Each structure stands twice: as structure tokens, then as C-alpha cells.
Amino acid sequence: MTTNDMSIHWLWPYAAVAAVLVAAVLVAVIAIFRGRRRPPRDGMPVYSLDDDLNTEHASHLFHLWRLLGRIAVAALVAALAICTVLIARPAHVDRDAERSSSRDIVLCLDVSGSALPYDRAVIETYLELVSHFRGERIALSIFNSTSRTVFPLTDDYDLVSSQLTKAADALRGVESQDDIDKMSDKDYQKIADWLEGTQNRKNSTSLIGDGLVSCAAMIPGFAYGDTSGAARQRPASIVLATDNVASGTPTYSLAQALDMAEASHISVDGLFSGPRQSEGDATTTEMKQQIESRGGTFLTQSGSSDINELVRQIDSRRTSESRRSSQAALIDAPGWWTLMLVVLLAIWMILAWRLRR
């Protein structure tokens, strides 16, 4: 992964254009005044320097003086051109700074019976997106009555890919409760092993608020009950995939969990992972209102072809926001331009000293 993008960007391009226009005006003014020199009076003798340079030695010195003068003028013009370039402030992208401002993404998946059939599509889409990530840290947490961290925030994409692949394989063929009932013992055990640790509270399932708080706690800077609103070094977002159908008494409601995430400057986007016929339910409408009122995006399958498209929409939106914020990673890069300017000025000064002799 390269440290810097060596392509040149211009912070003040219009300043260079203005400098060129000013230089053009000055050249035009000088040319006009030179053209207004009074012609010699009639009858007055006109002497030329060439008349005094008839000797071979004098002619050689004169041509040398004129050549050095032209080189000095060319060096001065080149130096002025580089000054114009420096006025435009050449810059490049500091990949270290850009990488430090990339996103933290937590996939927060409801793995209760009603939402589990839709989780594999979310996981597989992120498995494909990971190959295009650069600097993002990603984590996966699953919850039912309790939460389990599958893997914490990391930019080790080999680890991320292997864990997402393992999760997708475990959920392969899970599209309904009937599919689970018809599974072989080996396949059922694979799912049970992956879900282990998410059903530790009796008579409770899909505790949305508690699951969201557990996901937010994976992001640095989050504190329970903290409302200080401190600035965040890296943009952070949570993709909450759930059908918002809870059973039991949670420690935190969805509204409380969203407020805690917002206080820590963590964006929460909602992905309805449930059947299309349930998109108009009161629980779905409530989730949509609560997420969108805090600046998040809430998507259902009605407006898109499938869950893969929903995940891509969320990732595209967050990527766009991250790119806008990374413009601060542009840093001035006058390096070689400054060196060239120094060399040209040194040449001009040496020639000017030689010409005075």
C-alpha cells in the first residue's frame, strides 16, 4: 500500500492564472513603451555599436556578452514561471492521513429466527466489498438475546474475508425455519456453533437496543451514557440489519441505543432484514423514523432488487462522505519546484555578476 499519491493537485489554481495575466499585461506595457522611442532627428549622425566592434576580439566579447545576457533572461523567466506554479500551491494526497481518516464499519446483525434468513445476503455483499476497501476497519457482531463479537475492528482483510466466508458458509441454505428443520445434524451444528453465545437469556429474542449498544461499544471513543460529544478522529458507522421484532425486556430500547451512538458521533444505518410483507408494519415504520431522524439511512427491499443492492447503497453513501472529509489529506508539495527555483536564481545571479564585469 503506497504512502503517498504522487499525482499533482493544485490548491490555488486561479492564483496562477491571475499571475500569468498580470505578467502578460506588464510585458504588453513594456513593449508599448519601447515602441514609442523617439526616432533620431533628421540630419544627425547615428552611431551603431557595430561600428566599434570591427575587431575580432571585440566582436567575440560582444557576442559572448549577448549570449550570457540571453541565458540570464531565460533563467529569470523560468524562475518567474516557477514562482507562478508555486503560487498555485502544488499538493499531493498524504495516504497516511487519508488512511487515518477512513471509516470504522461495524456490521450489526440480528440473528434471531425471523432475521437470520436475510443475514447471509448482507455478509456476502460485504465479503465482495472488502476487496475494494482501503484503510477501512471492519467488525462483525451478531445478537439475539445477547451479543457475540465474531471479529473486532480490523483492517486485516485476510482475516475479515475468512470470517465472512465462514459465516456465509454456515448460513448457506438458511432461508426459512423450514430450511433449518430439514438440515442435517452436521449443517445444523455448524449454524449452532456460529450462533453460540447469542441466546443466553431465557424467554428473550432479538433485543435490538441491547444488540446495537454492544455494536457501538466496539468502536473506540464510545462510552455508556457519555454525552460529551468529543470530536471523532475516524468516521464511524454501524449497519444495523434487523426486522425490529423484539421479544422480552431489553436493557436499552432502540431509541436509547441510537441516542448513545449519536452522542459518540457514530452513524447508524438501518437495513430491514425481514419479509417484504412486513415492511409496512408499525415496528418497521418506527425503526425507519428513529434512524432517519438521527441522520441515518433506512432501506427496505421495496425500492431495490435485493438486500445486496441495499448494502451497496449504504456503503456508497458512506464512502462518498469519507472521500469529502479526506480532502484535508492534501498537503503542500513544493519540493522539486523550490529546488528548481533556487538553481535558476543562482544561475541568474552568477550571470548577472559576470555581465557586470
Protein backbone atom coordinates (compact mmCIF):
# COMPACT_ATOMS: atom_id res chain seq x y z
CA MET A 1 0.00 0.00 0.00
CA THR A 2 1.66 3.22 -1.14
CA THR A 3 2.20 6.04 1.30
CA ASN A 4 1.62 8.99 -0.99
CA ASP A 5 -0.27 9.72 -4.17
CA MET A 6 2.38 11.43 -6.31
CA SER A 7 -0.09 12.94 -8.77
CA ILE A 8 -0.13 16.73 -8.50
CA HIS A 9 -3.17 18.63 -7.26
CA TRP A 10 -3.48 22.45 -7.26
CA LEU A 11 -4.91 24.17 -4.18
CA TRP A 12 -4.98 27.70 -5.69
CA PRO A 13 -5.12 27.22 -9.49
CA TYR A 14 -6.81 30.56 -10.12
CA ALA A 15 -3.99 32.42 -8.37
CA ALA A 16 -1.59 31.11 -11.02
CA VAL A 17 -3.94 32.23 -13.78
CA ALA A 18 -4.08 35.71 -12.24
CA ALA A 19 -0.27 35.84 -12.03
CA VAL A 20 0.02 34.91 -15.72
CA LEU A 21 -2.44 37.66 -16.67
CA VAL A 22 -0.52 40.24 -14.64
CA ALA A 23 2.75 39.18 -16.31
CA ALA A 24 1.15 39.42 -19.75
CA VAL A 25 -0.07 42.95 -19.00
CA LEU A 26 3.41 44.02 -17.83
CA VAL A 27 5.02 42.59 -20.98
CA ALA A 28 2.48 44.42 -23.14
CA VAL A 29 3.12 47.73 -21.32
CA ILE A 30 6.90 47.37 -21.71
CA ALA A 31 6.51 46.57 -25.41
CA ILE A 32 4.33 49.64 -25.94
CA PHE A 33 6.77 52.00 -24.21
CA ARG A 34 9.72 50.53 -26.12
CA GLY A 35 7.88 51.16 -29.36
CA ARG A 36 7.37 54.83 -28.50
CA ARG A 37 11.05 55.75 -28.51
CA ARG A 38 11.58 58.95 -30.45
CA PRO A 39 13.23 58.42 -33.84
CA PRO A 40 16.56 60.16 -34.45
CA ARG A 41 16.45 63.72 -35.76
CA ASP A 42 16.96 64.25 -39.50
CA GLY A 43 20.47 65.19 -40.43
CA MET A 44 22.01 63.98 -37.17
CA PRO A 45 24.63 61.23 -37.43
CA VAL A 46 23.61 57.88 -35.95
CA TYR A 47 26.31 55.70 -34.50
CA SER A 48 25.99 51.95 -34.06
CA LEU A 49 27.87 49.73 -31.64
CA ASP A 50 28.77 47.52 -34.56
CA ASP A 51 30.98 50.32 -35.88
CA ASP A 52 33.18 49.96 -32.81
CA LEU A 53 33.27 46.16 -32.93
CA ASN A 54 35.13 45.69 -36.15
CA THR A 55 38.00 43.94 -34.41
CA GLU A 56 37.81 40.16 -33.96
CA HIS A 57 38.41 40.24 -30.17
CA ALA A 58 35.83 42.94 -29.53
CA SER A 59 33.29 41.12 -31.68
CA HIS A 60 33.86 37.88 -29.76
CA LEU A 61 33.39 39.58 -26.40
CA PHE A 62 30.26 41.31 -27.59
CA HIS A 63 28.67 38.05 -28.82
CA LEU A 64 29.63 36.34 -25.54
CA TRP A 65 28.07 39.18 -23.57
CA ARG A 66 24.87 38.94 -25.61
CA LEU A 67 24.72 35.12 -25.21
CA LEU A 68 25.16 35.34 -21.43
CA GLY A 69 22.51 38.02 -21.30
CA ARG A 70 20.02 35.85 -23.14
CA ILE A 71 20.74 32.91 -20.84
CA ALA A 72 20.28 35.18 -17.81
CA VAL A 73 16.95 36.43 -19.16
CA ALA A 74 15.82 32.84 -19.88
CA ALA A 75 16.78 31.78 -16.33
CA LEU A 76 14.88 34.73 -14.87
CA VAL A 77 11.79 34.00 -16.98
CA ALA A 78 11.90 30.31 -15.94
CA ALA A 79 12.25 31.36 -12.29
CA LEU A 80 9.22 33.63 -12.63
CA ALA A 81 7.28 30.77 -14.24
CA ILE A 82 8.10 28.50 -11.30
CA CYS A 83 7.02 31.27 -8.92
CA THR A 84 3.69 31.24 -10.74
CA VAL A 85 3.47 27.48 -10.23
CA LEU A 86 4.23 27.85 -6.51
CA ILE A 87 1.50 30.48 -6.21
CA ALA A 88 -0.95 27.76 -7.34
CA ARG A 89 0.25 25.64 -4.36
CA PRO A 90 1.08 22.18 -5.78
CA ALA A 91 0.00 19.43 -3.38
CA HIS A 92 -0.36 15.67 -3.16
CA VAL A 93 -2.53 13.29 -1.17
CA ASP A 94 -0.97 12.00 2.04
CA ARG A 95 -2.17 8.39 2.08
CA ASP A 96 -1.23 8.04 5.76
CA ALA A 97 -3.52 10.94 6.68
CA GLU A 98 -6.19 9.68 4.31
CA ARG A 99 -5.94 6.21 5.75
CA SER A 100 -6.23 7.57 9.30
CA SER A 101 -9.46 9.34 8.37
CA SER A 102 -11.07 6.26 6.75
CA ARG A 103 -14.13 4.66 8.20
CA ASP A 104 -14.81 2.23 11.00
CA ILE A 105 -17.66 -0.07 9.96
CA VAL A 106 -19.48 -2.44 12.30
CA LEU A 107 -21.86 -4.96 10.79
CA CYS A 108 -24.52 -5.46 13.45
CA LEU A 109 -26.67 -8.45 12.53
CA ASP A 110 -29.83 -9.68 14.17
CA VAL A 111 -29.59 -13.48 14.13
CA SER A 112 -32.99 -14.27 15.60
CA GLY A 113 -35.09 -16.78 13.68
CA SER A 114 -37.04 -14.15 11.76
CA ALA A 115 -33.96 -12.18 10.59
CA LEU A 116 -31.42 -14.99 10.13
CA PRO A 117 -32.50 -15.91 6.56
CA TYR A 118 -31.52 -12.42 5.37
CA ASP A 119 -28.14 -12.17 7.10
CA ARG A 120 -26.27 -14.28 4.55
CA ALA A 121 -27.01 -11.76 1.77
CA VAL A 122 -25.62 -8.93 3.88
CA ILE A 123 -22.49 -10.92 4.75
CA GLU A 124 -21.85 -12.00 1.15
CA THR A 125 -22.18 -8.43 -0.15
CA TYR A 126 -19.66 -7.14 2.37
CA LEU A 127 -17.40 -10.06 1.53
CA GLU A 128 -17.32 -8.73 -2.04
CA LEU A 129 -16.94 -5.08 -0.95
CA VAL A 130 -13.94 -5.87 1.27
CA SER A 131 -11.81 -6.46 -1.81
CA HIS A 132 -12.25 -2.76 -2.67
CA PHE A 133 -11.65 -1.38 0.82
CA ARG A 134 -8.55 0.67 1.54
CA GLY A 135 -7.99 1.87 5.08
CA GLU A 136 -11.43 0.95 6.37
CA ARG A 137 -11.62 -1.11 9.53
CA ILE A 138 -14.49 -3.54 9.70
CA ALA A 139 -16.04 -5.58 12.52
CA LEU A 140 -18.87 -8.07 12.81
CA SER A 141 -21.17 -8.55 15.78
CA ILE A 142 -24.26 -10.76 15.92
CA PHE A 143 -27.01 -10.62 18.50
CA ASN A 144 -30.20 -12.25 19.60
CA SER A 145 -30.94 -12.02 23.33
CA THR A 146 -27.20 -11.41 23.88
CA SER A 147 -24.37 -10.37 21.58
CA ARG A 148 -21.25 -12.07 20.30
CA THR A 149 -18.28 -10.43 18.62
CA VAL A 150 -17.35 -12.50 15.58
CA PHE A 151 -14.27 -10.32 14.96
CA PRO A 152 -13.33 -6.85 16.25
CA LEU A 153 -12.45 -3.78 14.19
CA THR A 154 -9.55 -4.65 11.91
CA ASP A 155 -8.04 -3.80 8.54
CA ASP A 156 -6.59 -7.30 8.22
CA TYR A 157 -8.71 -8.11 5.18
CA ASP A 158 -7.48 -11.70 5.01
CA LEU A 159 -8.95 -12.28 8.46
CA VAL A 160 -12.13 -10.39 7.56
CA SER A 161 -12.60 -12.38 4.35
CA SER A 162 -12.04 -15.72 6.06
CA GLN A 163 -14.52 -14.92 8.84
CA LEU A 164 -17.17 -13.59 6.47
CA THR A 165 -16.71 -16.64 4.23
CA LYS A 166 -17.11 -18.93 7.23
CA ALA A 167 -20.29 -17.10 8.26
CA ALA A 168 -21.72 -17.23 4.74
CA ASP A 169 -20.99 -20.96 4.50
CA ALA A 170 -22.67 -21.59 7.85
CA LEU A 171 -25.83 -19.77 6.70
CA ARG A 172 -25.92 -21.35 3.26
CA GLY A 173 -29.41 -22.66 2.55
CA VAL A 174 -31.00 -20.86 5.51
CA GLU A 175 -34.00 -19.07 4.03
CA SER A 176 -36.72 -20.06 6.46
CA GLN A 177 -37.37 -22.03 9.63
CA ASP A 178 -38.38 -24.95 7.44
CA ASP A 179 -34.88 -24.98 5.92
CA ILE A 180 -33.40 -25.19 9.40
CA ASP A 181 -35.76 -28.03 10.35
CA LYS A 182 -34.74 -30.00 7.25
CA MET A 183 -30.98 -29.60 7.79
CA SER A 184 -28.67 -32.47 8.50
CA ASP A 185 -27.24 -32.69 12.00
CA LYS A 186 -23.83 -31.61 10.68
CA ASP A 187 -25.16 -28.48 8.99
CA TYR A 188 -27.38 -27.64 11.95
CA GLN A 189 -24.42 -27.99 14.31
CA LYS A 190 -22.40 -25.64 12.11
CA ILE A 191 -25.07 -22.96 12.47
CA ALA A 192 -25.46 -23.65 16.18
CA ASP A 193 -21.71 -23.23 16.68
CA TRP A 194 -21.74 -19.91 14.80
CA LEU A 195 -24.71 -18.64 16.83
CA GLU A 196 -23.28 -19.77 20.16
CA GLY A 197 -23.34 -17.00 22.75
CA THR A 198 -26.30 -15.11 21.28
CA GLN A 199 -29.11 -16.82 23.20
CA ASN A 200 -28.09 -16.63 26.86
CA ARG A 201 -31.26 -15.03 28.18
CA LYS A 202 -34.38 -17.14 28.51
CA ASN A 203 -37.68 -16.02 27.01
CA SER A 204 -35.97 -13.17 25.14
CA THR A 205 -35.08 -12.85 21.47
CA SER A 206 -33.95 -10.10 19.14
CA LEU A 207 -33.24 -7.43 21.75
CA ILE A 208 -32.48 -4.70 19.20
CA GLY A 209 -31.38 -1.91 21.54
CA ASP A 210 -29.01 -4.13 23.52
CA GLY A 211 -27.52 -5.51 20.33
CA LEU A 212 -26.93 -2.02 18.91
CA VAL A 213 -25.24 -0.82 22.11
CA SER A 214 -22.92 -3.84 22.02
CA CYS A 215 -22.00 -2.99 18.43
CA ALA A 216 -21.36 0.67 19.29
CA ALA A 217 -19.13 -0.41 22.18
CA MET A 218 -16.76 -1.98 19.65
CA ILE A 219 -15.89 1.47 18.28
CA PRO A 220 -13.13 3.48 20.06
CA GLY A 221 -14.46 6.56 21.83
CA PHE A 222 -17.85 5.11 22.72
CA ALA A 223 -18.81 5.32 26.38
CA TYR A 224 -22.01 4.21 28.03
CA GLY A 225 -24.07 7.25 28.92
CA ASP A 226 -21.37 9.65 27.63
CA THR A 227 -22.85 12.80 26.03
CA SER A 228 -19.67 14.87 25.83
CA GLY A 229 -19.78 14.89 22.04
CA ALA A 230 -16.00 14.79 21.58
CA ALA A 231 -14.68 15.01 18.02
CA ARG A 232 -14.05 11.67 16.33
CA GLN A 233 -10.74 11.00 14.57
CA ARG A 234 -12.24 8.45 12.15
CA PRO A 235 -15.79 8.43 10.77
CA ALA A 236 -17.66 5.51 12.28
CA SER A 237 -20.85 3.85 11.15
CA ILE A 238 -22.96 0.85 12.06
CA VAL A 239 -25.04 -1.14 9.59
CA LEU A 240 -27.91 -2.48 11.68
CA ALA A 241 -29.67 -5.36 9.90
CA THR A 242 -32.83 -6.39 11.72
CA ASP A 243 -36.57 -6.72 11.33
CA ASN A 244 -37.08 -4.81 14.63
CA VAL A 245 -39.29 -7.53 16.06
CA ALA A 246 -38.22 -7.92 19.69
CA SER A 247 -39.44 -10.29 22.38
CA GLY A 248 -38.54 -9.74 26.02
CA THR A 249 -37.39 -6.83 28.16
CA PRO A 250 -34.21 -5.17 26.87
CA THR A 251 -31.79 -3.12 28.95
CA TYR A 252 -31.81 -0.41 26.28
CA SER A 253 -34.58 0.48 23.88
CA LEU A 254 -33.74 1.14 20.23
CA ALA A 255 -34.24 4.88 20.78
CA GLN A 256 -31.87 4.91 23.77
CA ALA A 257 -29.23 2.95 21.84
CA LEU A 258 -29.49 5.35 18.88
CA ASP A 259 -29.12 8.34 21.22
CA MET A 260 -25.97 6.85 22.75
CA ALA A 261 -24.48 6.20 19.31
CA GLU A 262 -25.33 9.73 18.17
CA ALA A 263 -23.70 11.23 21.27
CA SER A 264 -20.49 9.44 20.29
CA HIS A 265 -20.76 10.65 16.66
CA ILE A 266 -21.47 7.15 15.35
CA SER A 267 -23.78 7.00 12.35
CA VAL A 268 -26.34 4.20 12.29
CA ASP A 269 -27.89 3.00 9.04
CA GLY A 270 -30.79 0.59 9.13
CA LEU A 271 -31.35 -2.34 6.81
CA PHE A 272 -34.70 -4.07 7.10
CA SER A 273 -33.90 -7.77 7.06
CA GLY A 274 -37.34 -9.25 7.01
CA PRO A 275 -40.07 -10.31 4.59
CA ARG A 276 -41.41 -7.71 2.16
CA GLN A 277 -44.95 -8.11 3.51
CA SER A 278 -43.74 -6.81 6.90
CA GLU A 279 -42.26 -3.56 5.57
CA GLY A 280 -45.44 -1.65 6.36
CA ASP A 281 -45.70 -2.91 9.96
CA ALA A 282 -45.66 -0.46 12.86
CA THR A 283 -42.32 -1.80 14.12
CA THR A 284 -40.74 -1.19 10.72
CA THR A 285 -42.16 2.34 10.46
CA GLU A 286 -40.94 3.12 13.98
CA MET A 287 -37.43 1.92 13.18
CA LYS A 288 -37.36 3.98 9.98
CA GLN A 289 -38.42 7.16 11.80
CA GLN A 290 -35.95 6.71 14.64
CA ILE A 291 -32.96 6.08 12.35
CA GLU A 292 -33.74 8.79 9.79
CA SER A 293 -34.43 11.41 12.49
CA ARG A 294 -30.80 10.99 13.59
CA GLY A 295 -29.34 11.37 10.11
CA GLY A 296 -29.11 7.70 9.21
CA THR A 297 -30.37 5.86 6.15
CA PHE A 298 -33.10 3.27 6.39
CA LEU A 299 -33.61 0.95 3.44
CA THR A 300 -36.05 -1.81 2.62
CA GLN A 301 -36.23 -4.22 -0.28
CA SER A 302 -39.23 -2.48 -1.85
CA GLY A 303 -37.09 0.20 -3.52
CA SER A 304 -34.33 -2.16 -4.65
CA SER A 305 -33.88 -5.53 -6.26
CA ASP A 306 -32.49 -7.29 -3.20
CA ILE A 307 -30.51 -6.88 0.02
CA ASN A 308 -27.22 -6.81 -1.91
CA GLU A 309 -28.31 -3.57 -3.55
CA LEU A 310 -29.34 -2.09 -0.20
CA VAL A 311 -25.92 -2.80 1.31
CA ARG A 312 -24.23 -1.23 -1.72
CA GLN A 313 -26.34 1.91 -1.36
CA ILE A 314 -25.32 2.32 2.26
CA ASP A 315 -21.65 1.69 1.51
CA SER A 316 -21.70 4.09 -1.47
CA ARG A 317 -23.20 6.86 0.67
CA ARG A 318 -20.69 6.42 3.49
CA THR A 319 -17.78 6.17 1.03
CA SER A 320 -18.82 9.47 -0.55
CA GLU A 321 -18.88 11.18 2.85
CA SER A 322 -15.47 9.73 3.72
CA ARG A 323 -13.95 10.99 0.45
CA ARG A 324 -15.21 14.51 1.08
CA SER A 325 -13.68 14.54 4.55
CA SER A 326 -10.36 13.14 3.23
CA GLN A 327 -9.72 16.25 1.12
CA ALA A 328 -7.96 17.58 4.23
CA ALA A 329 -5.29 14.98 3.48
CA LEU A 330 -3.96 17.20 0.66
CA ILE A 331 -0.61 18.62 1.77
CA ASP A 332 1.64 21.17 0.08
CA ALA A 333 4.38 19.63 -2.07
CA PRO A 334 6.68 22.45 -3.24
CA GLY A 335 9.75 20.15 -3.06
CA TRP A 336 11.24 19.93 -6.56
CA TRP A 337 9.70 23.22 -7.64
CA THR A 338 11.54 25.04 -4.86
CA LEU A 339 14.83 23.34 -5.73
CA MET A 340 14.46 24.33 -9.39
CA LEU A 341 13.70 27.91 -8.37
CA VAL A 342 16.85 28.09 -6.22
CA VAL A 343 19.01 26.67 -9.03
CA LEU A 344 17.62 29.12 -11.62
CA LEU A 345 18.09 32.12 -9.32
CA ALA A 346 21.66 31.02 -8.60
CA ILE A 347 22.35 30.80 -12.36
CA TRP A 348 20.83 34.25 -12.92
CA MET A 349 22.88 35.82 -10.11
CA ILE A 350 26.13 34.31 -11.41
CA LEU A 351 25.43 35.52 -14.93
CA ALA A 352 24.40 38.97 -13.72
CA TRP A 353 27.69 39.25 -11.79
CA ARG A 354 29.64 38.10 -14.85
CA LEU A 355 27.87 40.58 -17.13
CA ARG A 356 28.67 43.48 -14.77
CA ARG A 357 32.35 42.65 -15.13
